[in-house]
Amino acid sequence: MKQRIQTAKRRNNTRRVAAMVGVAGLVWAATMTGCLGYSNYPQEDGVTWVNARDTASIREPMAKALAHIIELDIADQTNMELPGDGPLVAVNVPGGIAPESYRWIADKAGGGAGGRATPLSETVSGLPIYHIGAVRIRSNGVRVDVLRPITGLERDVANPVYVGVEVWMKGATGVRQIDHIRWREVGTMTVPALYTIEDIERAFNPEPEPEVESGG
């Protein structure tokens, strides 16, 4: 009888440990899922680890949102002779993005190699600028705010007025699809700071501090 009780206790302990491991595994999985499916730009006060700026999950919706709005504007231009090749617009993405990510986003936003979008640059002037204003990722739901000049693809506009567009998507990274867009009134979205590709490159590859010669 004593041996049966001890065996039963061991079995109960084994089940208890297995249950605890299972719960721990679920908590870990939920935490990892939240980490990959929850992000913000601009950063929210008091939030740190979820404010990823340069991951595939945040680069992809930026590129898709920009591409969608740029394509709409190109399709809408019936009274304007657009160049047959070369960039039509410059895109401005958040600071903290790596240079190669900036180029990737602009490339995808412009339709691929030789496309119609280029990163904002000190050497490119006159192109209309399309901005990423905000990105909000919650699991499979994504909202990207794009700001575009109301003059559309018109070049050399001195002080363009911008209108915001909310681009809503659904799906996981790699298979996200545009669900709907929502146009905002002029002035309801703030135009973000400008980050040229040169700014980004300097931030990621700072020049070494000059050596100070010691007197002697």
Protein backbone atom coordinates (compact mmCIF):
# COMPACT_ATOMS: atom_id res chain seq x y z
CA MET A 1 0.00 0.00 0.00
CA LYS A 2 2.78 2.40 0.93
CA GLN A 3 4.52 1.73 -2.36
CA ARG A 4 1.30 2.43 -4.30
CA ILE A 5 0.89 5.80 -2.54
CA GLN A 6 4.48 6.79 -3.32
CA THR A 7 4.02 5.80 -6.98
CA ALA A 8 0.83 7.82 -7.19
CA LYS A 9 2.59 10.85 -5.65
CA ARG A 10 5.41 10.57 -8.19
CA ARG A 11 2.88 10.46 -11.04
CA ASN A 12 1.07 13.53 -9.67
CA ASN A 13 4.36 15.40 -9.34
CA THR A 14 5.30 14.47 -12.90
CA ARG A 15 1.94 15.72 -14.19
CA ARG A 16 2.33 18.93 -12.16
CA VAL A 17 5.79 19.61 -13.60
CA ALA A 18 4.58 18.86 -17.12
CA ALA A 19 1.66 21.24 -16.66
CA MET A 20 3.97 23.99 -15.38
CA VAL A 21 6.31 23.51 -18.34
CA GLY A 22 3.34 23.68 -20.69
CA VAL A 23 2.06 26.91 -19.15
CA ALA A 24 5.55 28.42 -19.28
CA GLY A 25 5.78 27.45 -22.94
CA LEU A 26 2.46 29.13 -23.71
CA VAL A 27 3.52 32.30 -21.89
CA TRP A 28 6.82 32.35 -23.81
CA ALA A 29 5.03 31.82 -27.12
CA ALA A 30 2.52 34.56 -26.36
CA THR A 31 5.33 36.91 -25.39
CA MET A 32 7.24 36.19 -28.58
CA THR A 33 4.10 36.65 -30.68
CA GLY A 34 3.45 40.00 -29.02
CA CYS A 35 7.04 41.06 -29.62
CA LEU A 36 6.82 40.29 -33.33
CA GLY A 37 3.31 41.64 -33.84
CA TYR A 38 3.32 44.86 -31.83
CA SER A 39 5.21 47.96 -32.85
CA ASN A 40 4.89 51.73 -33.03
CA TYR A 41 6.39 54.69 -34.80
CA PRO A 42 6.68 57.34 -33.46
CA GLN A 43 7.65 55.86 -30.12
CA GLU A 44 5.00 55.81 -27.42
CA ASP A 45 5.97 57.27 -24.05
CA GLY A 46 6.91 54.62 -21.53
CA VAL A 47 7.18 51.89 -24.18
CA THR A 48 10.59 50.59 -25.21
CA TRP A 49 10.98 47.09 -26.61
CA VAL A 50 7.90 47.23 -28.83
CA ASN A 51 9.03 50.36 -30.67
CA ALA A 52 11.06 48.53 -33.32
CA ARG A 53 11.86 50.76 -36.28
CA ASP A 54 13.87 48.48 -38.51
CA THR A 55 12.42 44.99 -38.76
CA ALA A 56 10.81 43.18 -41.69
CA SER A 57 7.44 43.51 -39.98
CA ILE A 58 7.66 47.31 -40.09
CA ARG A 59 9.62 47.84 -43.34
CA GLU A 60 7.11 45.90 -45.41
CA PRO A 61 3.98 47.91 -44.49
CA MET A 62 5.88 51.19 -44.97
CA ALA A 63 6.82 50.15 -48.51
CA LYS A 64 3.36 48.82 -49.35
CA ALA A 65 1.58 51.90 -48.05
CA LEU A 66 3.84 54.26 -49.99
CA ALA A 67 3.54 52.15 -53.14
CA HIS A 68 -0.26 52.12 -52.89
CA ILE A 69 -0.59 55.90 -52.59
CA ILE A 70 2.06 56.60 -55.25
CA GLU A 71 0.33 54.21 -57.67
CA LEU A 72 -3.01 55.94 -57.03
CA ASP A 73 -1.45 59.30 -57.81
CA ILE A 74 0.22 58.03 -60.99
CA ALA A 75 -3.06 56.49 -62.17
CA ASP A 76 -4.89 59.77 -61.40
CA GLN A 77 -2.60 61.92 -63.56
CA THR A 78 -4.40 62.18 -66.90
CA ASN A 79 -3.49 65.80 -67.71
CA MET A 80 0.21 65.67 -66.88
CA GLU A 81 3.05 64.36 -69.03
CA LEU A 82 5.16 62.20 -66.74
CA PRO A 83 8.74 61.21 -67.61
CA GLY A 84 8.96 57.77 -69.13
CA ASP A 85 11.61 56.61 -66.70
CA GLY A 86 13.42 57.72 -63.56
CA PRO A 87 11.98 58.65 -60.16
CA LEU A 88 8.81 60.69 -59.90
CA VAL A 89 8.83 61.11 -56.11
CA ALA A 90 11.15 61.07 -53.12
CA VAL A 91 10.18 59.15 -49.98
CA ASN A 92 11.00 60.17 -46.43
CA VAL A 93 11.14 57.39 -43.82
CA PRO A 94 11.79 57.50 -40.06
CA GLY A 95 15.22 58.08 -38.60
CA GLY A 96 16.71 54.91 -37.13
CA ILE A 97 16.18 52.94 -40.34
CA ALA A 98 19.41 51.49 -41.73
CA PRO A 99 20.60 52.89 -45.09
CA GLU A 100 19.99 49.56 -46.88
CA SER A 101 16.48 49.43 -45.40
CA TYR A 102 15.79 53.00 -46.57
CA ARG A 103 16.81 52.05 -50.12
CA TRP A 104 14.76 48.85 -49.97
CA ILE A 105 11.62 50.74 -48.90
CA ALA A 106 12.07 53.34 -51.66
CA ASP A 107 12.72 50.60 -54.22
CA LYS A 108 9.56 48.69 -53.30
CA ALA A 109 7.54 51.91 -53.07
CA GLY A 110 8.56 52.79 -56.61
CA GLY A 111 7.78 49.45 -58.18
CA GLY A 112 11.18 47.81 -58.16
CA ALA A 113 14.53 48.42 -59.85
CA GLY A 114 14.51 51.57 -61.97
CA GLY A 115 11.20 52.50 -60.39
CA ARG A 116 9.51 55.79 -59.70
CA ALA A 117 10.60 56.45 -56.11
CA THR A 118 13.96 57.35 -54.58
CA PRO A 119 15.11 57.98 -51.01
CA LEU A 120 15.05 61.64 -50.03
CA SER A 121 18.53 62.93 -50.84
CA GLU A 122 20.62 66.06 -50.65
CA THR A 123 21.44 65.61 -54.33
CA VAL A 124 17.84 65.28 -55.55
CA SER A 125 15.71 68.41 -55.65
CA GLY A 126 12.32 69.34 -57.02
CA LEU A 127 10.66 65.95 -56.55
CA PRO A 128 7.44 65.80 -54.51
CA ILE A 129 8.07 64.13 -51.13
CA TYR A 130 5.90 61.37 -49.72
CA HIS A 131 6.31 60.88 -45.97
CA ILE A 132 5.74 58.06 -43.50
CA GLY A 133 3.97 59.76 -40.61
CA ALA A 134 3.22 56.83 -38.30
CA VAL A 135 3.10 53.03 -38.17
CA ARG A 136 0.96 51.04 -35.75
CA ILE A 137 1.11 47.23 -35.74
CA ARG A 138 -1.22 45.17 -33.59
CA SER A 139 -0.97 41.45 -34.37
CA ASN A 140 -2.23 41.06 -37.97
CA GLY A 141 -3.69 44.56 -38.16
CA VAL A 142 -1.52 47.44 -39.43
CA ARG A 143 -2.12 51.13 -39.94
CA VAL A 144 0.40 53.30 -41.78
CA ASP A 145 -0.05 57.06 -42.10
CA VAL A 146 1.26 58.47 -45.38
CA LEU A 147 1.46 62.20 -46.06
CA ARG A 148 1.39 63.35 -49.66
CA PRO A 149 1.39 66.83 -51.23
CA ILE A 150 -2.04 67.85 -52.44
CA THR A 151 -0.31 68.92 -55.66
CA GLY A 152 0.43 65.25 -56.26
CA LEU A 153 3.27 64.51 -58.68
CA GLU A 154 3.84 68.15 -59.65
CA ARG A 155 7.51 69.05 -59.35
CA ASP A 156 9.26 72.14 -57.96
CA VAL A 157 6.45 73.21 -55.63
CA ALA A 158 8.05 75.61 -53.15
CA ASN A 159 5.84 75.09 -50.08
CA PRO A 160 3.53 72.14 -50.65
CA VAL A 161 0.50 71.54 -48.46
CA TYR A 162 0.17 67.96 -47.26
CA VAL A 163 -2.82 65.71 -46.73
CA GLY A 164 -2.69 62.51 -44.69
CA VAL A 165 -3.92 59.08 -45.71
CA GLU A 166 -4.43 56.17 -43.34
CA VAL A 167 -3.52 52.92 -45.08
CA TRP A 168 -4.98 49.89 -43.28
CA MET A 169 -3.67 46.36 -43.89
CA LYS A 170 -4.36 42.84 -42.70
CA GLY A 171 -2.24 39.70 -42.63
CA ALA A 172 1.12 38.51 -41.39
CA THR A 173 4.49 39.79 -42.54
CA GLY A 174 5.11 38.76 -46.14
CA VAL A 175 1.45 38.33 -47.05
CA ARG A 176 -0.10 41.59 -45.85
CA GLN A 177 -2.76 43.08 -48.09
CA ILE A 178 -4.29 46.55 -48.26
CA ASP A 179 -7.70 46.42 -46.60
CA HIS A 180 -8.86 50.02 -46.99
CA ILE A 181 -7.65 53.62 -46.91
CA ARG A 182 -9.01 56.67 -45.16
CA TRP A 183 -8.28 60.21 -46.31
CA ARG A 184 -7.81 62.77 -43.59
CA GLU A 185 -8.48 66.50 -43.64
CA VAL A 186 -5.59 68.81 -44.43
CA GLY A 187 -3.66 69.73 -41.30
CA THR A 188 -4.81 66.79 -39.15
CA MET A 189 -1.49 64.95 -39.58
CA THR A 190 1.85 66.55 -38.79
CA VAL A 191 4.53 66.39 -41.45
CA PRO A 192 7.49 64.53 -39.91
CA ALA A 193 11.12 65.61 -39.79
CA LEU A 194 13.16 65.04 -42.93
CA TYR A 195 15.78 62.30 -43.00
CA THR A 196 17.87 62.19 -46.16
CA ILE A 197 19.73 59.05 -47.11
CA GLU A 198 22.92 60.99 -46.36
CA ASP A 199 21.65 61.74 -42.82
CA ILE A 200 21.00 58.04 -42.31
CA GLU A 201 24.40 57.02 -43.65
CA ARG A 202 26.18 59.52 -41.42
CA ALA A 203 24.24 58.27 -38.38
CA PHE A 204 25.17 54.65 -39.11
CA ASN A 205 28.75 55.38 -40.17
CA PRO A 206 29.94 58.29 -38.03
CA GLU A 207 33.29 59.83 -38.89
CA PRO A 208 36.01 59.04 -36.36
CA GLU A 209 36.88 61.77 -33.89
CA PRO A 210 40.07 63.60 -34.92
CA GLU A 211 43.08 62.76 -32.77
CA VAL A 212 44.24 65.56 -30.54
CA GLU A 213 47.99 66.04 -30.55
CA SER A 214 49.44 66.22 -27.10
CA GLY A 215 51.89 69.03 -26.42
CA GLY A 216 55.41 68.10 -25.44
